[in-house]
N, C-alpha and C. Protein backbone atom coordinates (compact mmCIF):
# COMPACT_ATOMS: atom_id res chain seq x y z
N MET A 1 6.24 -13.76 -8.53
CA MET A 1 5.25 -12.67 -8.54
C MET A 1 3.83 -13.32 -8.42
N ILE A 2 2.99 -12.70 -7.59
CA ILE A 2 1.66 -13.24 -7.46
C ILE A 2 0.75 -12.74 -8.57
N SER A 3 -0.23 -13.42 -8.83
CA SER A 3 -1.21 -12.89 -9.92
C SER A 3 -2.16 -11.89 -9.21
N VAL A 4 -2.62 -10.89 -9.94
CA VAL A 4 -3.50 -9.86 -9.36
C VAL A 4 -4.89 -10.47 -9.15
N PRO A 5 -5.37 -10.47 -7.94
CA PRO A 5 -6.68 -11.03 -7.61
C PRO A 5 -7.81 -10.36 -8.32
N THR A 6 -8.98 -10.71 -7.95
CA THR A 6 -10.25 -10.15 -8.59
C THR A 6 -10.34 -8.74 -8.67
N SER A 7 -11.27 -8.20 -9.28
CA SER A 7 -11.42 -6.66 -9.70
C SER A 7 -11.24 -5.85 -8.40
N CYS A 8 -12.01 -6.21 -7.32
CA CYS A 8 -11.90 -5.26 -6.10
C CYS A 8 -10.50 -5.42 -5.53
N ARG A 9 -9.84 -6.51 -5.58
CA ARG A 9 -8.48 -6.70 -5.13
C ARG A 9 -7.57 -5.95 -5.90
N ALA A 10 -7.80 -6.05 -7.27
CA ALA A 10 -6.89 -5.32 -8.23
C ALA A 10 -7.02 -3.78 -7.98
N ALA A 11 -8.21 -3.30 -7.68
CA ALA A 11 -8.37 -1.86 -7.43
C ALA A 11 -7.67 -1.53 -6.12
N ALA A 12 -7.66 -2.39 -5.09
CA ALA A 12 -6.99 -2.10 -3.85
C ALA A 12 -5.53 -2.17 -4.02
N MET A 13 -5.08 -3.12 -4.86
CA MET A 13 -3.65 -3.20 -5.12
C MET A 13 -3.17 -2.00 -5.81
N ALA A 14 -3.90 -1.52 -6.77
CA ALA A 14 -3.59 -0.28 -7.60
C ALA A 14 -3.48 0.85 -6.59
N ALA A 15 -4.44 0.96 -5.72
CA ALA A 15 -4.43 2.02 -4.76
C ALA A 15 -3.19 2.02 -3.91
N LEU A 16 -2.86 0.89 -3.46
CA LEU A 16 -1.72 0.70 -2.63
C LEU A 16 -0.37 0.97 -3.35
N LEU A 17 -0.40 0.62 -4.62
CA LEU A 17 0.87 0.80 -5.44
C LEU A 17 1.03 2.23 -5.88
N SER A 18 -0.20 2.83 -5.79
CA SER A 18 -0.39 4.25 -6.32
C SER A 18 0.46 5.32 -5.59
N ALA A 19 4.24 -1.51 0.95
CA ALA A 19 4.29 -1.36 0.26
C ALA A 19 4.46 -2.22 1.02
N MET A 20 8.66 -4.13 6.39
CA MET A 20 7.51 -4.88 7.04
C MET A 20 7.36 -4.29 8.36
N PRO A 21 6.41 -3.33 8.48
CA PRO A 21 6.31 -2.87 9.93
C PRO A 21 5.57 -3.95 10.67
N SER A 22 5.63 -3.81 12.02
CA SER A 22 4.90 -4.79 12.86
C SER A 22 3.47 -4.54 12.73
N ALA A 23 2.66 -5.44 13.16
CA ALA A 23 1.26 -5.25 13.15
C ALA A 23 0.85 -4.28 14.11
N HIS A 24 1.74 -3.79 15.08
CA HIS A 24 1.36 -2.78 16.01
C HIS A 24 1.83 -1.40 15.51
N ALA A 25 2.08 -1.24 14.26
CA ALA A 25 2.49 0.05 13.66
C ALA A 25 1.38 1.09 13.86
N ASP A 26 1.72 2.40 13.86
CA ASP A 26 0.80 3.47 13.96
C ASP A 26 0.27 3.77 12.53
N TRP A 27 -0.99 3.51 12.35
CA TRP A 27 -1.65 3.71 11.11
C TRP A 27 -2.54 4.94 11.07
N ALA A 28 -2.56 5.65 10.03
CA ALA A 28 -3.43 6.78 9.82
C ALA A 28 -4.43 6.47 8.69
N LYS A 29 -5.79 6.55 9.01
CA LYS A 29 -6.78 6.25 8.02
C LYS A 29 -6.76 7.29 6.91
N MET A 30 -6.78 6.77 5.67
CA MET A 30 -6.64 7.70 4.53
C MET A 30 -7.97 7.76 3.75
N ASN A 31 -8.61 6.56 3.60
CA ASN A 31 -9.76 6.46 2.66
C ASN A 31 -10.56 5.20 3.10
N GLU A 32 -11.86 5.22 2.75
CA GLU A 32 -12.66 3.96 2.96
C GLU A 32 -13.71 3.95 1.83
N ASP A 33 -13.87 2.67 1.41
CA ASP A 33 -14.93 2.38 0.40
C ASP A 33 -15.64 1.18 0.79
N GLY A 34 -16.62 0.59 0.04
CA GLY A 34 -17.35 -0.49 0.46
C GLY A 34 -16.58 -1.82 0.53
N GLN A 35 -15.35 -1.80 -0.07
CA GLN A 35 -14.60 -3.02 -0.10
C GLN A 35 -13.52 -3.09 0.97
N ALA A 36 -12.90 -1.87 1.32
CA ALA A 36 -11.73 -1.84 2.18
C ALA A 36 -11.53 -0.46 2.82
N THR A 37 -10.76 -0.44 3.85
CA THR A 37 -10.27 0.80 4.48
C THR A 37 -8.81 0.87 4.22
N PHE A 38 -8.29 2.08 3.82
CA PHE A 38 -6.91 2.29 3.44
C PHE A 38 -6.22 3.14 4.48
N TYR A 39 -5.00 2.66 4.83
CA TYR A 39 -4.24 3.46 5.87
C TYR A 39 -2.77 3.63 5.34
N VAL A 40 -2.11 4.51 5.95
CA VAL A 40 -0.64 4.75 5.78
C VAL A 40 -0.02 4.71 7.13
N GLU A 41 1.16 4.24 7.26
CA GLU A 41 1.98 4.30 8.51
C GLU A 41 2.33 5.74 8.73
N THR A 42 2.44 6.07 9.95
CA THR A 42 2.74 7.42 10.29
C THR A 42 4.16 7.86 10.16
N SER A 43 5.15 6.89 10.06
CA SER A 43 6.52 7.13 9.90
C SER A 43 6.85 7.14 8.40
N ILE A 44 7.75 8.09 8.01
CA ILE A 44 8.13 8.16 6.55
C ILE A 44 9.65 8.19 6.59
N LYS A 45 10.28 7.38 5.65
CA LYS A 45 11.78 7.31 5.48
C LYS A 45 12.00 8.21 4.26
N GLU A 46 13.03 9.14 4.41
CA GLU A 46 13.39 9.97 3.36
C GLU A 46 14.85 9.71 2.81
N ASP A 47 15.03 9.89 1.49
CA ASP A 47 16.28 9.77 0.89
C ASP A 47 16.36 10.66 -0.28
N GLY A 48 16.79 11.79 -0.12
CA GLY A 48 16.77 12.82 -1.17
C GLY A 48 15.35 13.10 -1.57
N SER A 49 14.95 12.99 -2.89
CA SER A 49 13.57 13.13 -3.30
C SER A 49 12.70 11.93 -3.10
N LEU A 50 13.28 10.90 -2.62
CA LEU A 50 12.48 9.66 -2.41
C LEU A 50 11.87 9.54 -1.05
N ARG A 51 10.70 9.00 -0.93
CA ARG A 51 10.08 8.78 0.36
C ARG A 51 9.59 7.27 0.33
N ARG A 52 9.69 6.68 1.49
CA ARG A 52 9.14 5.25 1.59
C ARG A 52 8.17 5.29 2.76
N ILE A 53 7.06 4.65 2.49
CA ILE A 53 6.00 4.58 3.48
C ILE A 53 5.21 3.32 3.34
N TRP A 54 4.88 2.70 4.45
CA TRP A 54 4.03 1.45 4.46
C TRP A 54 2.53 1.82 4.35
N GLN A 55 1.85 1.18 3.46
CA GLN A 55 0.41 1.41 3.18
C GLN A 55 -0.34 0.08 3.52
N LEU A 56 -1.56 0.19 3.90
CA LEU A 56 -2.32 -1.00 4.29
C LEU A 56 -3.77 -0.89 3.77
N ALA A 57 -4.22 -1.99 3.18
CA ALA A 57 -5.60 -2.11 2.79
C ALA A 57 -6.28 -3.21 3.77
N ASP A 58 -7.26 -2.84 4.42
CA ASP A 58 -8.03 -3.79 5.38
C ASP A 58 -9.34 -4.10 4.74
N PHE A 59 -9.46 -5.31 4.19
CA PHE A 59 -10.58 -5.77 3.40
C PHE A 59 -11.75 -6.27 4.30
N ARG A 60 -12.96 -6.02 3.78
CA ARG A 60 -14.21 -6.43 4.46
C ARG A 60 -14.39 -7.94 4.29
N ALA A 61 -14.01 -8.50 3.19
CA ALA A 61 -14.15 -9.93 2.95
C ALA A 61 -12.80 -10.54 2.48
N LYS A 62 -12.70 -11.80 2.62
CA LYS A 62 -11.44 -12.54 2.27
C LYS A 62 -11.24 -12.49 0.74
N GLY A 63 -9.98 -12.34 0.24
CA GLY A 63 -9.61 -12.37 -1.12
C GLY A 63 -9.41 -13.71 -1.63
N SER A 64 -8.95 -13.87 -2.82
CA SER A 64 -8.64 -15.12 -3.54
C SER A 64 -7.58 -15.94 -2.85
N HIS A 65 -6.65 -15.33 -2.03
CA HIS A 65 -5.59 -16.05 -1.34
C HIS A 65 -5.99 -16.25 0.16
N GLY A 66 -7.17 -15.80 0.50
CA GLY A 66 -7.62 -15.86 1.84
C GLY A 66 -7.18 -14.67 2.76
N GLU A 67 -6.67 -13.63 2.09
CA GLU A 67 -6.26 -12.46 2.75
C GLU A 67 -7.38 -11.52 3.20
N LEU A 68 -7.25 -10.95 4.45
CA LEU A 68 -8.11 -9.96 4.96
C LEU A 68 -7.41 -8.59 4.94
N SER A 69 -6.09 -8.67 4.79
CA SER A 69 -5.41 -7.34 4.66
C SER A 69 -4.17 -7.56 3.73
N LEU A 70 -3.67 -6.37 3.28
CA LEU A 70 -2.59 -6.38 2.42
C LEU A 70 -1.74 -5.13 2.71
N ARG A 71 -0.50 -5.27 2.88
CA ARG A 71 0.33 -4.11 3.15
C ARG A 71 1.46 -4.01 2.06
N ALA A 72 1.79 -2.84 1.79
CA ALA A 72 2.80 -2.59 0.73
C ALA A 72 3.76 -1.52 1.17
N LEU A 73 5.08 -1.69 0.94
CA LEU A 73 6.01 -0.69 1.12
C LEU A 73 6.18 0.05 -0.13
N ALA A 74 5.64 1.28 -0.19
CA ALA A 74 5.61 2.16 -1.40
C ALA A 74 6.83 3.12 -1.36
N GLU A 75 7.29 3.42 -2.52
CA GLU A 75 8.35 4.41 -2.71
C GLU A 75 7.80 5.45 -3.56
N TYR A 76 7.88 6.72 -3.19
CA TYR A 76 7.36 7.92 -3.96
C TYR A 76 8.55 8.78 -4.30
N ASP A 77 8.64 9.25 -5.56
CA ASP A 77 9.66 10.12 -6.00
C ASP A 77 8.99 11.52 -6.11
N CYS A 78 9.29 12.32 -5.21
CA CYS A 78 8.67 13.71 -5.13
C CYS A 78 9.09 14.54 -6.41
N GLY A 79 10.29 14.31 -6.91
CA GLY A 79 10.74 15.04 -8.18
C GLY A 79 9.91 14.69 -9.39
N SER A 80 9.72 13.51 -9.62
CA SER A 80 9.02 13.01 -10.81
C SER A 80 7.55 12.73 -10.58
N GLU A 81 7.06 12.81 -9.41
CA GLU A 81 5.72 12.57 -9.00
C GLU A 81 5.35 11.16 -9.53
N SER A 82 6.10 10.20 -9.10
CA SER A 82 5.86 8.77 -9.53
C SER A 82 6.02 7.89 -8.28
N TYR A 83 5.62 6.56 -8.34
CA TYR A 83 5.58 5.73 -7.27
C TYR A 83 5.73 4.32 -7.72
N ARG A 84 6.17 3.46 -6.87
CA ARG A 84 6.30 1.97 -7.04
C ARG A 84 6.20 1.27 -5.79
N ALA A 85 5.82 -0.06 -5.78
CA ALA A 85 5.87 -0.89 -4.62
C ALA A 85 7.16 -1.63 -4.52
N LEU A 86 7.74 -1.60 -3.34
CA LEU A 86 9.04 -2.36 -3.18
C LEU A 86 8.72 -3.72 -2.57
N GLU A 87 7.62 -3.84 -1.79
CA GLU A 87 7.25 -5.12 -1.17
C GLU A 87 5.75 -5.14 -0.98
N ILE A 88 5.14 -6.24 -1.16
CA ILE A 88 3.71 -6.45 -0.99
C ILE A 88 3.56 -7.69 -0.16
N VAL A 89 2.76 -7.65 0.96
CA VAL A 89 2.55 -8.77 1.84
C VAL A 89 1.05 -8.91 2.09
N GLU A 90 0.54 -10.11 1.88
CA GLU A 90 -0.92 -10.39 2.22
C GLU A 90 -0.93 -11.18 3.52
N HIS A 91 -1.96 -10.76 4.36
CA HIS A 91 -2.12 -11.35 5.70
C HIS A 91 -3.51 -12.03 5.80
N SER A 92 -3.56 -13.06 6.60
CA SER A 92 -4.78 -13.87 6.87
C SER A 92 -5.74 -13.05 7.76
N GLY A 93 -5.26 -12.13 8.58
CA GLY A 93 -6.14 -11.31 9.46
C GLY A 93 -6.15 -9.88 9.05
N GLN A 94 -6.98 -9.19 9.75
CA GLN A 94 -7.13 -7.78 9.47
C GLN A 94 -6.04 -7.01 10.11
N MET A 95 -5.82 -5.82 9.52
CA MET A 95 -4.77 -4.90 9.99
C MET A 95 -3.45 -5.48 10.10
N ALA A 96 -3.07 -6.28 9.07
CA ALA A 96 -1.74 -6.91 9.00
C ALA A 96 -1.46 -7.95 10.08
N SER A 97 -2.51 -8.58 10.52
CA SER A 97 -2.38 -9.62 11.58
C SER A 97 -2.50 -11.03 10.93
N GLY A 98 -2.36 -11.97 11.77
CA GLY A 98 -2.45 -13.36 11.34
C GLY A 98 -1.31 -13.80 10.62
N HIS A 99 -1.45 -14.87 9.83
CA HIS A 99 -0.31 -15.50 9.09
C HIS A 99 -0.03 -14.75 7.80
N VAL A 100 1.20 -14.65 7.43
CA VAL A 100 1.61 -14.10 6.13
C VAL A 100 1.26 -15.13 5.11
N LEU A 101 0.49 -14.79 4.12
CA LEU A 101 0.04 -15.68 3.08
C LEU A 101 0.93 -15.56 1.83
N THR A 102 1.27 -14.41 1.45
CA THR A 102 2.02 -14.19 0.24
C THR A 102 2.92 -12.95 0.44
N THR A 103 4.13 -13.08 -0.02
CA THR A 103 5.06 -11.93 0.01
C THR A 103 5.68 -11.74 -1.36
N VAL A 104 5.68 -10.55 -1.88
CA VAL A 104 6.35 -10.25 -3.19
C VAL A 104 7.35 -9.20 -2.87
N THR A 105 8.64 -9.47 -3.27
CA THR A 105 9.69 -8.51 -2.94
C THR A 105 10.28 -7.92 -4.18
N ASP A 106 9.76 -8.26 -5.36
CA ASP A 106 10.26 -7.69 -6.66
C ASP A 106 9.57 -6.25 -6.76
N PRO A 107 10.40 -5.21 -6.89
CA PRO A 107 9.83 -3.85 -7.06
C PRO A 107 9.01 -3.81 -8.41
N THR A 108 7.97 -3.08 -8.29
CA THR A 108 7.13 -2.87 -9.54
C THR A 108 7.79 -1.77 -10.40
N GLU A 109 7.28 -1.51 -11.57
CA GLU A 109 7.77 -0.50 -12.42
C GLU A 109 7.24 0.89 -11.77
N TRP A 110 7.97 1.91 -12.07
CA TRP A 110 7.54 3.30 -11.64
C TRP A 110 6.33 3.60 -12.43
N ARG A 111 5.36 4.23 -11.70
CA ARG A 111 4.14 4.81 -12.32
C ARG A 111 3.94 6.28 -11.99
N HIS A 112 3.38 6.93 -12.94
CA HIS A 112 3.13 8.46 -12.67
C HIS A 112 1.88 8.51 -11.70
N VAL A 113 1.89 9.43 -10.80
CA VAL A 113 0.85 9.62 -9.92
C VAL A 113 -0.26 10.35 -10.61
N ALA A 114 -1.46 9.68 -10.74
CA ALA A 114 -2.60 10.35 -11.42
C ALA A 114 -3.30 11.28 -10.52
N PRO A 115 -3.89 12.43 -11.09
CA PRO A 115 -4.69 13.34 -10.20
C PRO A 115 -5.89 12.65 -9.66
N GLY A 116 -6.22 13.08 -8.39
CA GLY A 116 -7.50 12.54 -7.74
C GLY A 116 -7.41 11.13 -7.30
N THR A 117 -6.19 10.58 -7.10
CA THR A 117 -6.05 9.19 -6.67
C THR A 117 -5.48 9.09 -5.24
N PHE A 118 -5.66 7.93 -4.66
CA PHE A 118 -5.13 7.61 -3.42
C PHE A 118 -3.56 7.99 -3.38
N ALA A 119 -2.93 7.57 -4.46
CA ALA A 119 -1.49 7.73 -4.61
C ALA A 119 -1.17 9.24 -4.57
N GLN A 120 -1.97 10.15 -5.13
CA GLN A 120 -1.76 11.57 -5.15
C GLN A 120 -1.94 12.08 -3.68
N ARG A 121 -2.87 11.58 -2.93
CA ARG A 121 -2.99 12.03 -1.59
C ARG A 121 -1.80 11.68 -0.74
N VAL A 122 -1.34 10.48 -0.90
CA VAL A 122 -0.08 10.04 -0.20
C VAL A 122 1.11 10.86 -0.61
N LEU A 123 1.25 11.10 -1.94
CA LEU A 123 2.43 11.81 -2.45
C LEU A 123 2.37 13.26 -1.85
N ARG A 124 1.28 13.90 -1.76
CA ARG A 124 1.20 15.25 -1.17
C ARG A 124 1.64 15.26 0.27
N ILE A 125 1.24 14.17 1.06
CA ILE A 125 1.70 14.14 2.44
C ILE A 125 3.16 13.91 2.61
N VAL A 126 3.59 12.80 1.89
CA VAL A 126 5.04 12.46 2.14
C VAL A 126 5.99 13.57 1.52
N CYS A 127 5.59 14.18 0.43
CA CYS A 127 6.54 15.22 -0.21
C CYS A 127 6.39 16.52 0.47
N ALA A 128 5.39 16.77 1.36
CA ALA A 128 5.34 18.07 2.04
C ALA A 128 6.35 18.27 3.09
N ARG A 129 7.13 17.26 3.40
CA ARG A 129 8.10 17.28 4.50
C ARG A 129 9.28 18.13 4.05
């Protein structure tokens, strides 16, 4: 497991956890702040009440591992309104390009989706299907 980077990276990680498509995936912009732009892939995989979707954080500056982007395969449970990350990949380039710097394939613990968060926006989209 990788250590959680500095505070802005930790916030981005939390937003993404809130998960390997190609770098040519179709991304939809969801949010932007002074640190990063956040995207979700336009394809969603369904399995009962579970939804899987790739999420991407495209950073303005390099992180502690040299990453300019981070993508995570997130799994949302529409029934319990919770989520977890199944895979997290840090890239040396923007928009999931460049070299893969770090890959984590250990699923995180399930977390409840908090109101007003990036995770809630994604949950509403993926569970509306």
